[in-house]
């Protein structure tokens, strides 16, 4: 049964990405990401937010916005089948994101794409296993490791109360069998067979609207 892609915030909830959904709400970015056009969004799963729990507890809205906008590319809808090794994309906050492809696995900076090509009404979402740090744009993955080190120096994990999840609706079912809800990167990767190293030329759709989107996106977290 074909379903019409939902907006990003609804998709995040349906995919069990409650930390990301809650973070967007905390930063007052829900309307911005739901109404902007032609987006590629790298969305950390709950386990990724939990892994840096100690670093996000006291963020200002400006700092959180800087982090979240580093996960968004505007004006380019980049499917996994169009990604190639070494490609650089410019995030909404102006920072550079680097794509690495190794043996069929796709990485953005040091984060692995664990669930690619989740279609949304205004672009595409790739679920990743690490929160990207806008102050660590040169972070690279250990392609031989089953999990990656966190990108925030000194951050420690929380075992309960995943950041930003309080008050976020719990879906009755989740995309990828619940893969986004915080499963390990290995188990999530097993749910997806579409990660690929095919030739990349990001699809430019031409719509570069929402120029004011994420106006505070240049505020990077000093960690």
C-alpha atoms as a PDB file:
ATOM      1  CA  UNK A   1       0.000   0.000   0.000  1.00  0.00           C
ATOM      2  CA  UNK A   2       1.401   3.334  -1.045  1.00  0.00           C
ATOM      3  CA  UNK A   3       1.264   6.105   1.523  1.00  0.00           C
ATOM      4  CA  UNK A   4       1.810   9.812   1.037  1.00  0.00           C
ATOM      5  CA  UNK A   5       5.044  10.948   2.718  1.00  0.00           C
ATOM      6  CA  UNK A   6       4.438  12.985   5.858  1.00  0.00           C
ATOM      7  CA  UNK A   7       6.285  16.061   7.054  1.00  0.00           C
ATOM      8  CA  UNK A   8       9.566  15.671   8.896  1.00  0.00           C
ATOM      9  CA  UNK A   9       8.269  16.088  12.447  1.00  0.00           C
ATOM     10  CA  UNK A  10       5.463  13.550  11.959  1.00  0.00           C
ATOM     11  CA  UNK A  11       7.850  11.137  10.268  1.00  0.00           C
ATOM     12  CA  UNK A  12      10.307  11.448  13.160  1.00  0.00           C
ATOM     13  CA  UNK A  13       7.598  10.456  15.629  1.00  0.00           C
ATOM     14  CA  UNK A  14       6.387   7.600  13.416  1.00  0.00           C
ATOM     15  CA  UNK A  15       9.956   6.344  13.060  1.00  0.00           C
ATOM     16  CA  UNK A  16      10.510   6.281  16.805  1.00  0.00           C
ATOM     17  CA  UNK A  17      12.954   9.192  16.572  1.00  0.00           C
ATOM     18  CA  UNK A  18      11.435  10.849  19.606  1.00  0.00           C
ATOM     19  CA  UNK A  19      14.649  12.573  20.723  1.00  0.00           C
ATOM     20  CA  UNK A  20      15.018  14.297  17.371  1.00  0.00           C
ATOM     21  CA  UNK A  21      11.333  15.246  17.351  1.00  0.00           C
ATOM     22  CA  UNK A  22      11.618  16.644  20.859  1.00  0.00           C
ATOM     23  CA  UNK A  23      14.804  18.530  20.026  1.00  0.00           C
ATOM     24  CA  UNK A  24      13.079  20.227  17.084  1.00  0.00           C
ATOM     25  CA  UNK A  25      10.258  21.265  19.392  1.00  0.00           C
ATOM     26  CA  UNK A  26      12.688  22.545  22.048  1.00  0.00           C
ATOM     27  CA  UNK A  27      14.490  24.663  19.433  1.00  0.00           C
ATOM     28  CA  UNK A  28      11.228  25.957  17.936  1.00  0.00           C
ATOM     29  CA  UNK A  29      12.179  24.504  14.549  1.00  0.00           C
ATOM     30  CA  UNK A  30       9.205  22.254  13.815  1.00  0.00           C
ATOM     31  CA  UNK A  31       7.420  24.663  11.490  1.00  0.00           C
ATOM     32  CA  UNK A  32      10.688  25.581   9.784  1.00  0.00           C
ATOM     33  CA  UNK A  33      11.667  22.042   8.839  1.00  0.00           C
ATOM     34  CA  UNK A  34       8.128  21.015   7.968  1.00  0.00           C
ATOM     35  CA  UNK A  35       7.571  23.877   5.532  1.00  0.00           C
ATOM     36  CA  UNK A  36      11.023  24.291   3.929  1.00  0.00           C
ATOM     37  CA  UNK A  37      11.458  22.616   0.540  1.00  0.00           C
ATOM     38  CA  UNK A  38      14.022  20.230  -0.931  1.00  0.00           C
ATOM     39  CA  UNK A  39      15.753  19.043   2.215  1.00  0.00           C
ATOM     40  CA  UNK A  40      18.216  16.261   2.964  1.00  0.00           C
ATOM     41  CA  UNK A  41      18.131  15.640   6.705  1.00  0.00           C
ATOM     42  CA  UNK A  42      20.468  13.395   8.690  1.00  0.00           C
ATOM     43  CA  UNK A  43      18.468  12.488  11.803  1.00  0.00           C
ATOM     44  CA  UNK A  44      20.239  10.918  14.816  1.00  0.00           C
ATOM     45  CA  UNK A  45      18.418   8.025  16.436  1.00  0.00           C
ATOM     46  CA  UNK A  46      17.567   7.972  20.139  1.00  0.00           C
ATOM     47  CA  UNK A  47      20.688   5.998  20.996  1.00  0.00           C
ATOM     48  CA  UNK A  48      22.791   8.767  19.447  1.00  0.00           C
ATOM     49  CA  UNK A  49      21.200  11.420  21.651  1.00  0.00           C
ATOM     50  CA  UNK A  50      21.532   9.179  24.711  1.00  0.00           C
ATOM     51  CA  UNK A  51      25.246   8.713  23.972  1.00  0.00           C
ATOM     52  CA  UNK A  52      25.884  12.448  24.472  1.00  0.00           C
ATOM     53  CA  UNK A  53      23.312  12.939  27.204  1.00  0.00           C
ATOM     54  CA  UNK A  54      25.694  14.811  29.494  1.00  0.00           C
ATOM     55  CA  UNK A  55      26.450  17.387  26.788  1.00  0.00           C
ATOM     56  CA  UNK A  56      22.920  18.388  25.875  1.00  0.00           C
ATOM     57  CA  UNK A  57      21.344  18.957  29.249  1.00  0.00           C
ATOM     58  CA  UNK A  58      22.191  22.644  29.529  1.00  0.00           C
ATOM     59  CA  UNK A  59      22.136  23.773  25.917  1.00  0.00           C
ATOM     60  CA  UNK A  60      20.653  27.141  25.089  1.00  0.00           C
ATOM     61  CA  UNK A  61      18.110  27.284  22.266  1.00  0.00           C
ATOM     62  CA  UNK A  62      20.751  29.020  20.160  1.00  0.00           C
ATOM     63  CA  UNK A  63      23.267  26.233  20.744  1.00  0.00           C
ATOM     64  CA  UNK A  64      20.704  23.512  20.072  1.00  0.00           C
ATOM     65  CA  UNK A  65      19.645  25.261  16.874  1.00  0.00           C
ATOM     66  CA  UNK A  66      23.262  25.368  15.727  1.00  0.00           C
ATOM     67  CA  UNK A  67      23.562  21.623  16.213  1.00  0.00           C
ATOM     68  CA  UNK A  68      20.258  20.715  14.589  1.00  0.00           C
ATOM     69  CA  UNK A  69      20.806  22.901  11.531  1.00  0.00           C
ATOM     70  CA  UNK A  70      24.136  21.160  10.984  1.00  0.00           C
ATOM     71  CA  UNK A  71      22.090  18.058  10.181  1.00  0.00           C
ATOM     72  CA  UNK A  72      20.062  19.728   7.404  1.00  0.00           C
ATOM     73  CA  UNK A  73      20.993  20.405   3.776  1.00  0.00           C
ATOM     74  CA  UNK A  74      18.616  22.790   2.007  1.00  0.00           C
ATOM     75  CA  UNK A  75      18.062  22.831  -1.763  1.00  0.00           C
ATOM     76  CA  UNK A  76      19.386  19.308  -2.313  1.00  0.00           C
ATOM     77  CA  UNK A  77      17.465  16.041  -2.084  1.00  0.00           C
ATOM     78  CA  UNK A  78      20.233  13.463  -1.783  1.00  0.00           C
ATOM     79  CA  UNK A  79      19.131   9.839  -1.870  1.00  0.00           C
ATOM     80  CA  UNK A  80      21.556   7.137  -0.791  1.00  0.00           C
ATOM     81  CA  UNK A  81      21.759   5.884  -4.373  1.00  0.00           C
ATOM     82  CA  UNK A  82      23.187   9.255  -5.387  1.00  0.00           C
ATOM     83  CA  UNK A  83      25.853   9.494  -2.692  1.00  0.00           C
ATOM     84  CA  UNK A  84      29.498   8.939  -3.492  1.00  0.00           C
ATOM     85  CA  UNK A  85      32.668   8.823  -1.455  1.00  0.00           C
ATOM     86  CA  UNK A  86      34.190  12.202  -0.651  1.00  0.00           C
ATOM     87  CA  UNK A  87      31.197  14.344  -1.544  1.00  0.00           C
ATOM     88  CA  UNK A  88      30.876  17.506   0.544  1.00  0.00           C
ATOM     89  CA  UNK A  89      27.537  19.100   1.316  1.00  0.00           C
ATOM     90  CA  UNK A  90      26.889  22.477   2.904  1.00  0.00           C
ATOM     91  CA  UNK A  91      24.611  22.283   5.915  1.00  0.00           C
ATOM     92  CA  UNK A  92      22.000  24.878   6.766  1.00  0.00           C
ATOM     93  CA  UNK A  93      24.298  26.527   9.311  1.00  0.00           C
ATOM     94  CA  UNK A  94      27.086  26.880   6.726  1.00  0.00           C
ATOM     95  CA  UNK A  95      29.219  23.982   7.951  1.00  0.00           C
ATOM     96  CA  UNK A  96      30.564  21.269   5.683  1.00  0.00           C
ATOM     97  CA  UNK A  97      29.388  17.660   5.797  1.00  0.00           C
ATOM     98  CA  UNK A  98      31.551  14.946   4.253  1.00  0.00           C
ATOM     99  CA  UNK A  99      30.171  11.704   2.848  1.00  0.00           C
ATOM    100  CA  UNK A 100      32.252   8.532   3.185  1.00  0.00           C
ATOM    101  CA  UNK A 101      31.282   5.252   1.558  1.00  0.00           C
ATOM    102  CA  UNK A 102      33.025   2.026   2.452  1.00  0.00           C
ATOM    103  CA  UNK A 103      31.929  -1.475   1.478  1.00  0.00           C
ATOM    104  CA  UNK A 104      28.382  -0.294   0.911  1.00  0.00           C
ATOM    105  CA  UNK A 105      28.105   1.574   4.212  1.00  0.00           C
ATOM    106  CA  UNK A 106      27.362   5.296   4.048  1.00  0.00           C
ATOM    107  CA  UNK A 107      28.727   7.742   6.610  1.00  0.00           C
ATOM    108  CA  UNK A 108      28.278  11.471   7.106  1.00  0.00           C
ATOM    109  CA  UNK A 109      31.298  12.805   8.981  1.00  0.00           C
ATOM    110  CA  UNK A 110      31.752  10.130  11.669  1.00  0.00           C
ATOM    111  CA  UNK A 111      28.115   8.972  11.761  1.00  0.00           C
ATOM    112  CA  UNK A 112      26.888   5.862   9.995  1.00  0.00           C
ATOM    113  CA  UNK A 113      23.645   5.956   8.030  1.00  0.00           C
ATOM    114  CA  UNK A 114      21.652   3.132   9.613  1.00  0.00           C
ATOM    115  CA  UNK A 115      18.339   3.694   7.851  1.00  0.00           C
ATOM    116  CA  UNK A 116      18.546   5.504   4.502  1.00  0.00           C
ATOM    117  CA  UNK A 117      15.972   7.065   2.205  1.00  0.00           C
ATOM    118  CA  UNK A 118      13.013   7.701   4.482  1.00  0.00           C
ATOM    119  CA  UNK A 119      10.811   9.772   2.194  1.00  0.00           C
ATOM    120  CA  UNK A 120       9.204  12.904   3.618  1.00  0.00           C
ATOM    121  CA  UNK A 121       6.916  15.452   2.016  1.00  0.00           C
ATOM    122  CA  UNK A 122       9.721  17.944   1.474  1.00  0.00           C
ATOM    123  CA  UNK A 123      12.759  15.757   0.864  1.00  0.00           C
ATOM    124  CA  UNK A 124      14.513  12.734   2.309  1.00  0.00           C
ATOM    125  CA  UNK A 125      15.666  11.644   5.761  1.00  0.00           C
ATOM    126  CA  UNK A 126      18.621   9.414   6.566  1.00  0.00           C
ATOM    127  CA  UNK A 127      18.739   8.043  10.124  1.00  0.00           C
ATOM    128  CA  UNK A 128      22.256   8.120  11.613  1.00  0.00           C
ATOM    129  CA  UNK A 129      23.872   6.628  14.713  1.00  0.00           C
ATOM    130  CA  UNK A 130      25.687   9.751  15.962  1.00  0.00           C
ATOM    131  CA  UNK A 131      24.820  13.367  16.660  1.00  0.00           C
ATOM    132  CA  UNK A 132      26.927  15.555  14.368  1.00  0.00           C
ATOM    133  CA  UNK A 133      29.024  18.287  15.984  1.00  0.00           C
ATOM    134  CA  UNK A 134      29.233  21.575  14.041  1.00  0.00           C
ATOM    135  CA  UNK A 135      32.566  22.218  15.734  1.00  0.00           C
ATOM    136  CA  UNK A 136      33.966  18.912  14.478  1.00  0.00           C
ATOM    137  CA  UNK A 137      33.434  19.211  10.740  1.00  0.00           C
ATOM    138  CA  UNK A 138      36.588  17.190  10.048  1.00  0.00           C
ATOM    139  CA  UNK A 139      35.365  14.152  12.013  1.00  0.00           C
ATOM    140  CA  UNK A 140      35.874  10.939  10.064  1.00  0.00           C
ATOM    141  CA  UNK A 141      34.506   7.439  10.665  1.00  0.00           C
ATOM    142  CA  UNK A 142      36.338   4.320  11.714  1.00  0.00           C
ATOM    143  CA  UNK A 143      34.936   2.209   8.915  1.00  0.00           C
ATOM    144  CA  UNK A 144      36.131  -1.013  10.577  1.00  0.00           C
ATOM    145  CA  UNK A 145      34.230  -0.367  13.813  1.00  0.00           C
ATOM    146  CA  UNK A 146      30.691  -1.549  14.526  1.00  0.00           C
ATOM    147  CA  UNK A 147      29.969   1.726  16.329  1.00  0.00           C
ATOM    148  CA  UNK A 148      31.508   5.170  16.205  1.00  0.00           C
ATOM    149  CA  UNK A 149      32.907   7.389  18.950  1.00  0.00           C
ATOM    150  CA  UNK A 150      30.738  10.364  19.842  1.00  0.00           C
ATOM    151  CA  UNK A 151      31.619  13.632  18.119  1.00  0.00           C
ATOM    152  CA  UNK A 152      31.357  15.695  21.319  1.00  0.00           C
ATOM    153  CA  UNK A 153      34.540  15.509  23.352  1.00  0.00           C
ATOM    154  CA  UNK A 154      33.948  14.588  26.987  1.00  0.00           C
ATOM    155  CA  UNK A 155      30.288  13.735  26.524  1.00  0.00           C
ATOM    156  CA  UNK A 156      29.008  10.721  28.424  1.00  0.00           C
ATOM    157  CA  UNK A 157      25.964   8.561  27.908  1.00  0.00           C
ATOM    158  CA  UNK A 158      22.741   8.428  29.864  1.00  0.00           C
ATOM    159  CA  UNK A 159      21.101   5.065  30.435  1.00  0.00           C
ATOM    160  CA  UNK A 160      17.599   6.413  30.977  1.00  0.00           C
ATOM    161  CA  UNK A 161      15.581   9.528  30.231  1.00  0.00           C
ATOM    162  CA  UNK A 162      16.882   9.997  26.696  1.00  0.00           C
ATOM    163  CA  UNK A 163      17.266  13.751  26.085  1.00  0.00           C
ATOM    164  CA  UNK A 164      14.301  15.622  24.563  1.00  0.00           C
ATOM    165  CA  UNK A 165      11.930  12.631  24.658  1.00  0.00           C
ATOM    166  CA  UNK A 166       9.728  13.814  27.501  1.00  0.00           C
ATOM    167  CA  UNK A 167       6.211  14.497  26.258  1.00  0.00           C
ATOM    168  CA  UNK A 168       6.817  13.170  22.742  1.00  0.00           C
ATOM    169  CA  UNK A 169       4.109  10.825  21.510  1.00  0.00           C
ATOM    170  CA  UNK A 170       4.998   7.139  21.315  1.00  0.00           C
ATOM    171  CA  UNK A 171       4.017   5.616  17.953  1.00  0.00           C
ATOM    172  CA  UNK A 172       1.986   2.431  17.787  1.00  0.00           C
ATOM    173  CA  UNK A 173       4.396   1.169  15.116  1.00  0.00           C
ATOM    174  CA  UNK A 174       7.707   2.430  13.797  1.00  0.00           C
ATOM    175  CA  UNK A 175       9.488   2.535  10.481  1.00  0.00           C
ATOM    176  CA  UNK A 176      12.017  -0.195   9.911  1.00  0.00           C
ATOM    177  CA  UNK A 177      10.616  -2.319  12.702  1.00  0.00           C
ATOM    178  CA  UNK A 178      11.430   0.296  15.301  1.00  0.00           C
ATOM    179  CA  UNK A 179      14.987   0.798  14.121  1.00  0.00           C
ATOM    180  CA  UNK A 180      14.957   4.516  14.746  1.00  0.00           C
ATOM    181  CA  UNK A 181      13.892   4.224  18.340  1.00  0.00           C
ATOM    182  CA  UNK A 182      17.331   3.554  19.696  1.00  0.00           C
ATOM    183  CA  UNK A 183      18.382   0.115  18.553  1.00  0.00           C
ATOM    184  CA  UNK A 184      22.091  -0.498  18.061  1.00  0.00           C
ATOM    185  CA  UNK A 185      23.610   0.574  14.780  1.00  0.00           C
ATOM    186  CA  UNK A 186      24.256  -3.045  13.870  1.00  0.00           C
ATOM    187  CA  UNK A 187      20.627  -4.079  14.320  1.00  0.00           C
ATOM    188  CA  UNK A 188      19.354  -0.994  12.551  1.00  0.00           C
ATOM    189  CA  UNK A 189      21.694  -1.550   9.633  1.00  0.00           C
ATOM    190  CA  UNK A 190      20.266  -5.020   9.262  1.00  0.00           C
ATOM    191  CA  UNK A 191      16.838  -3.535   8.588  1.00  0.00           C
ATOM    192  CA  UNK A 192      18.062  -1.634   5.551  1.00  0.00           C
ATOM    193  CA  UNK A 193      19.363  -3.030   2.319  1.00  0.00           C
ATOM    194  CA  UNK A 194      19.499   0.205   0.354  1.00  0.00           C
ATOM    195  CA  UNK A 195      22.730   1.792   1.622  1.00  0.00           C
ATOM    196  CA  UNK A 196      24.859   2.045  -1.450  1.00  0.00           C
ATOM    197  CA  UNK A 197      28.010   3.455  -2.907  1.00  0.00           C
ATOM    198  CA  UNK A 198      26.563   4.380  -6.270  1.00  0.00           C
ATOM    199  CA  UNK A 199      27.738   7.482  -8.096  1.00  0.00           C
ATOM    200  CA  UNK A 200      26.620  10.735  -6.514  1.00  0.00           C
ATOM    201  CA  UNK A 201      25.459  13.982  -7.976  1.00  0.00           C
ATOM    202  CA  UNK A 202      22.951  15.454  -5.480  1.00  0.00           C
ATOM    203  CA  UNK A 203      19.642  16.132  -7.152  1.00  0.00           C
ATOM    204  CA  UNK A 204      19.242  19.896  -7.374  1.00  0.00           C
ATOM    205  CA  UNK A 205      15.552  20.684  -7.498  1.00  0.00           C
ATOM    206  CA  UNK A 206      16.059  24.410  -7.688  1.00  0.00           C
ATOM    207  CA  UNK A 207      13.796  25.447  -4.836  1.00  0.00           C
ATOM    208  CA  UNK A 208      15.997  27.419  -2.474  1.00  0.00           C
ATOM    209  CA  UNK A 209      13.165  29.001  -0.520  1.00  0.00           C
ATOM    210  CA  UNK A 210      12.998  29.577   3.206  1.00  0.00           C
ATOM    211  CA  UNK A 211      16.026  31.847   3.191  1.00  0.00           C
ATOM    212  CA  UNK A 212      15.318  32.759   6.779  1.00  0.00           C
ATOM    213  CA  UNK A 213      15.145  29.128   7.885  1.00  0.00           C
ATOM    214  CA  UNK A 214      17.187  28.453  10.999  1.00  0.00           C
ATOM    215  CA  UNK A 215      18.283  32.081  11.403  1.00  0.00           C
ATOM    216  CA  UNK A 216      20.239  31.094  14.481  1.00  0.00           C
ATOM    217  CA  UNK A 217      21.923  28.209  12.687  1.00  0.00           C
ATOM    218  CA  UNK A 218      25.358  29.787  12.880  1.00  0.00           C
ATOM    219  CA  UNK A 219      25.511  29.422  16.643  1.00  0.00           C
ATOM    220  CA  UNK A 220      27.775  26.431  17.072  1.00  0.00           C
ATOM    221  CA  UNK A 221      28.211  24.585  20.309  1.00  0.00           C
ATOM    222  CA  UNK A 222      31.651  24.926  21.858  1.00  0.00           C
ATOM    223  CA  UNK A 223      32.313  21.420  23.110  1.00  0.00           C
END
